[in-house]
Protein backbone atom coordinates (compact mmCIF):
# COMPACT_ATOMS: atom_id res chain seq x y z
CA MET A 1 24.86 -11.28 10.69
CA GLU A 2 21.06 -10.98 11.09
CA ARG A 3 19.79 -7.67 11.69
CA VAL A 4 17.65 -7.30 14.86
CA PHE A 5 15.76 -3.97 15.27
CA PRO A 6 15.29 -2.41 18.58
CA ASN A 7 11.64 -1.70 18.13
CA ARG A 8 9.23 -0.63 15.29
CA THR A 9 9.94 3.18 15.82
CA GLU A 10 13.60 2.38 15.08
CA ALA A 11 12.85 0.15 12.36
CA GLY A 12 10.70 2.92 10.67
CA ARG A 13 13.39 5.51 11.04
CA GLU A 14 15.88 3.25 9.17
CA LEU A 15 13.28 2.48 6.59
CA ALA A 16 12.55 6.15 6.02
CA GLU A 17 16.13 6.75 5.01
CA LYS A 18 15.59 4.39 2.07
CA LEU A 19 12.75 6.33 1.03
CA VAL A 20 14.04 9.83 1.19
CA SER A 21 13.64 10.28 -2.74
CA TYR A 22 9.86 10.58 -2.08
CA ALA A 23 10.22 13.45 0.69
CA GLY A 24 8.43 16.71 0.01
CA ARG A 25 6.19 15.42 -2.88
CA ASP A 26 2.55 16.35 -2.65
CA ASP A 27 1.59 13.20 -4.34
CA VAL A 28 2.83 10.71 -1.98
CA ILE A 29 0.82 9.08 0.86
CA VAL A 30 2.19 6.52 3.38
CA LEU A 31 -0.38 3.78 4.31
CA GLY A 32 0.52 1.34 7.18
CA LEU A 33 -1.16 -2.05 7.74
CA PRO A 34 -2.71 -2.25 11.17
CA ARG A 35 -1.62 -2.83 13.53
CA GLY A 36 1.97 -3.42 13.75
CA GLY A 37 2.81 -1.59 10.37
CA VAL A 38 1.52 1.49 11.59
CA PRO A 39 4.21 2.54 14.20
CA VAL A 40 6.92 1.66 11.29
CA ALA A 41 4.70 3.82 8.67
CA PHE A 42 4.38 6.83 11.11
CA GLU A 43 8.23 7.33 11.28
CA VAL A 44 8.30 7.19 7.47
CA ALA A 45 5.60 9.71 7.05
CA GLN A 46 7.11 12.00 9.36
CA ARG A 47 10.48 11.78 7.84
CA LEU A 48 8.97 12.39 4.33
CA GLY A 49 6.62 15.05 5.27
CA ALA A 50 3.82 12.77 3.90
CA PRO A 51 0.20 12.14 5.13
CA LEU A 52 -0.40 8.83 7.05
CA ASP A 53 -3.36 6.57 6.95
CA VAL A 54 -4.15 2.89 7.20
CA PHE A 55 -4.97 0.27 4.64
CA ILE A 56 -6.91 -2.37 6.24
CA VAL A 57 -6.93 -5.92 4.74
CA ARG A 58 -9.23 -8.82 5.90
CA LYS A 59 -8.85 -12.36 4.78
CA LEU A 60 -11.83 -14.19 3.34
CA GLY A 61 -11.33 -17.66 4.83
CA VAL A 62 -13.36 -20.47 3.31
CA PRO A 63 -16.17 -21.64 5.84
CA GLY A 64 -14.99 -24.58 7.85
CA PHE A 65 -11.44 -24.16 6.66
CA GLU A 66 -11.06 -20.52 7.72
CA GLU A 67 -7.15 -20.68 7.49
CA LEU A 68 -7.50 -21.23 3.75
CA ALA A 69 -8.07 -17.77 1.88
CA ALA A 70 -10.40 -17.67 -0.85
CA GLY A 71 -9.59 -14.06 -1.36
CA ALA A 72 -9.53 -10.84 0.77
CA ILE A 73 -11.21 -7.46 1.00
CA ALA A 74 -9.52 -4.25 1.48
CA SER A 75 -10.11 -0.43 2.16
CA GLY A 76 -12.18 1.06 -0.31
CA GLY A 77 -14.54 -1.60 -0.97
CA VAL A 78 -12.17 -3.73 -3.09
CA ARG A 79 -12.47 -7.57 -3.12
CA VAL A 80 -9.84 -9.92 -4.52
CA LEU A 81 -10.59 -13.51 -5.15
CA ASN A 82 -8.51 -16.62 -5.46
CA GLU A 83 -10.32 -18.38 -8.39
CA ASP A 84 -8.57 -21.77 -7.88
CA VAL A 85 -9.85 -22.03 -4.13
CA MET A 86 -13.31 -20.93 -5.30
CA ARG A 87 -13.69 -23.46 -7.82
CA ALA A 88 -13.02 -26.10 -5.05
CA ILE A 89 -15.73 -24.76 -2.49
CA PRO A 90 -19.32 -26.10 -2.90
CA HIS A 91 -21.81 -23.32 -3.44
CA ALA A 92 -18.70 -20.94 -3.34
CA ASP A 93 -20.51 -17.85 -4.18
CA GLU A 94 -23.15 -18.05 -1.38
CA ALA A 95 -20.39 -19.06 1.15
CA ILE A 96 -18.09 -16.24 0.21
CA GLU A 97 -20.73 -13.75 0.06
CA ALA A 98 -21.68 -14.64 3.61
CA VAL A 99 -18.15 -14.29 4.68
CA THR A 100 -17.66 -10.98 2.81
CA ALA A 101 -20.48 -9.50 4.55
CA ARG A 102 -19.11 -10.53 8.00
CA GLU A 103 -15.56 -9.40 7.17
CA THR A 104 -16.72 -6.06 5.74
CA ALA A 105 -18.50 -5.14 8.81
CA GLU A 106 -15.28 -5.77 10.80
CA LEU A 107 -13.35 -3.77 8.26
CA GLU A 108 -15.78 -0.91 8.60
CA ARG A 109 -15.64 -1.12 12.40
CA ARG A 110 -11.90 -0.84 12.19
CA GLU A 111 -12.06 1.94 9.71
CA HIS A 112 -14.47 4.01 11.78
CA GLU A 113 -12.38 3.37 14.96
CA TYR A 114 -8.96 4.27 13.69
CA ARG A 115 -9.99 7.14 11.71
CA ASP A 116 -12.40 8.66 14.30
CA GLY A 117 -14.79 9.71 11.40
CA ARG A 118 -12.28 10.94 8.96
CA PRO A 119 -12.88 9.90 5.43
CA ALA A 120 -10.74 7.58 3.49
CA PRO A 121 -7.93 9.10 1.53
CA GLU A 122 -8.31 9.56 -2.31
CA LEU A 123 -5.53 7.19 -3.66
CA CYS A 124 -6.25 7.64 -7.35
CA ASP A 125 -2.98 9.04 -9.21
CA ARG A 126 -0.98 8.94 -5.89
CA VAL A 127 2.25 7.31 -5.06
CA VAL A 128 1.43 5.00 -2.04
CA ILE A 129 3.95 3.69 0.10
CA LEU A 130 2.63 0.60 1.91
CA ILE A 131 4.21 -0.35 5.04
CA ASP A 132 4.17 -3.33 7.36
CA ASP A 133 6.47 -4.35 10.24
CA GLY A 134 7.76 -7.22 8.10
CA LEU A 135 6.51 -9.94 5.79
CA ALA A 136 6.09 -13.65 6.48
CA THR A 137 4.02 -15.40 3.80
CA GLY A 138 3.13 -12.04 2.26
CA ALA A 139 -0.42 -12.94 1.58
CA THR A 140 -1.79 -9.81 3.30
CA MET A 141 0.66 -7.62 1.46
CA ARG A 142 -0.13 -9.15 -1.88
CA ALA A 143 -3.98 -8.56 -1.09
CA ALA A 144 -3.26 -5.00 -0.46
CA VAL A 145 -1.24 -4.42 -3.49
CA LYS A 146 -4.01 -6.09 -5.67
CA ALA A 147 -6.65 -4.01 -4.05
CA LEU A 148 -4.51 -0.64 -4.51
CA ARG A 149 -4.04 -1.50 -8.23
CA GLN A 150 -7.78 -1.37 -8.42
CA SER A 151 -7.91 2.13 -6.89
CA GLY A 152 -6.16 3.82 -9.58
CA THR A 153 -2.80 4.43 -7.90
CA ALA A 154 -0.03 6.01 -9.96
CA LYS A 155 2.81 3.99 -8.20
CA ILE A 156 2.89 1.31 -5.34
CA VAL A 157 5.94 0.85 -3.21
CA VAL A 158 6.15 -1.76 -0.56
CA ALA A 159 8.63 -1.10 2.16
CA VAL A 160 9.39 -3.30 5.11
CA PRO A 161 11.99 -3.75 7.56
CA VAL A 162 12.36 -7.67 7.27
CA GLY A 163 11.00 -10.56 5.16
CA PRO A 164 12.27 -13.83 3.91
CA PRO A 165 14.06 -13.70 0.55
CA ASP A 166 11.40 -15.61 -1.40
CA THR A 167 8.60 -13.50 -0.21
CA CYS A 168 10.26 -10.12 -0.92
CA ARG A 169 11.11 -11.51 -4.51
CA GLU A 170 7.34 -12.41 -4.91
CA ILE A 171 6.34 -8.94 -3.69
CA GLU A 172 8.77 -7.39 -6.14
CA GLN A 173 6.60 -9.04 -8.93
CA GLU A 174 3.46 -7.42 -7.61
CA ALA A 175 4.42 -3.85 -6.59
CA ASP A 176 6.36 -1.24 -8.72
CA GLU A 177 9.14 -0.89 -6.00
CA THR A 178 9.89 -3.12 -3.09
CA ILE A 179 12.30 -2.27 -0.21
CA CYS A 180 13.22 -5.10 2.38
CA LEU A 181 15.85 -3.77 4.64
CA SER A 182 16.87 -7.26 5.83
CA THR A 183 16.11 -10.52 4.10
CA PRO A 184 17.51 -13.28 6.58
CA ALA A 185 17.95 -16.73 4.98
CA PHE A 186 16.67 -18.76 7.89
CA PHE A 187 13.50 -16.76 8.48
CA GLN A 188 10.85 -18.08 11.15
CA ALA A 189 8.78 -15.24 12.29
CA VAL A 190 8.73 -11.40 12.07
CA GLY A 191 8.97 -11.00 15.83
CA GLN A 192 12.40 -12.69 15.93
CA TYR A 193 14.02 -9.68 14.25
CA TYR A 194 12.90 -7.07 16.90
CA GLU A 195 14.06 -6.92 20.51
CA ASP A 196 10.65 -5.36 21.54
CA PHE A 197 7.97 -6.87 19.41
CA SER A 198 5.15 -6.01 21.94
CA GLN A 199 1.70 -5.82 20.37
CA THR A 200 0.41 -2.76 18.89
CA SER A 201 -3.10 -1.70 20.25
CA ASP A 202 -6.12 -0.16 18.43
CA ASP A 203 -5.47 2.81 20.90
CA ASP A 204 -1.81 3.01 19.78
CA VAL A 205 -3.11 3.06 16.12
CA ARG A 206 -5.61 5.76 16.60
CA GLU A 207 -2.99 7.86 18.61
CA LEU A 208 -0.44 7.85 15.96
CA LEU A 209 -3.17 8.71 13.09
CA ASN A 210 -4.29 11.60 15.29
CA GLN A 211 -0.64 12.78 15.73
CA ALA A 212 0.03 12.57 12.01
CA THR A 213 -3.31 14.37 11.16
CA LYS A 214 -2.42 17.15 13.75
CA HIS A 215 1.25 17.22 12.17
CA ASP A 216 -0.34 17.64 8.64
CA LEU A 217 -2.76 20.43 9.63
CA SER A 218 0.18 22.50 11.16
CA GLN A 219 2.03 22.13 7.97
CA SER A 220 -0.65 22.96 5.79
């Protein structure tokens, strides 16, 4: 029987129960991949008593073939390049610099919008629990894990409610710990495993981050 979650909030509460060993630790931070990962991550952060933030990843599409990823950039000024794709692009360096500049501007816009001027969190030597509402190809999550490796994190835990078995196995090779609550064999899209998969807006993300920040301040 395939699992179907009522919504992202309920999925986050279930996921949190698999992460209770991290509750109450001052070296843990929960990062949600915007937008849909943030409501899931919010519930986990509340249950663990951990701070919540976003980790933004932007794909670097090949000019003219945007769906082909030459790499990705992520929060903290990190860039990961796919060398095989880069070798196949004429004038690759110039092309990717232009794409990087454009996507960096968009990443910075989102960081500013979501954080309301709050600085990005310090991730060095911390246990990072990285959350999305589900995995499909896993490309964004893999880019996020690679970027976090360059940030000097102590441990990377990837936690998602649902993902295809092969993608979850691939992520297990990259992260230090991986939790996929449900791994349906005939996976098509993340949305089919939610009764309510309505889009999460920028305003929703901002509101959840603000709530989490107020909660952290009241606890400190």
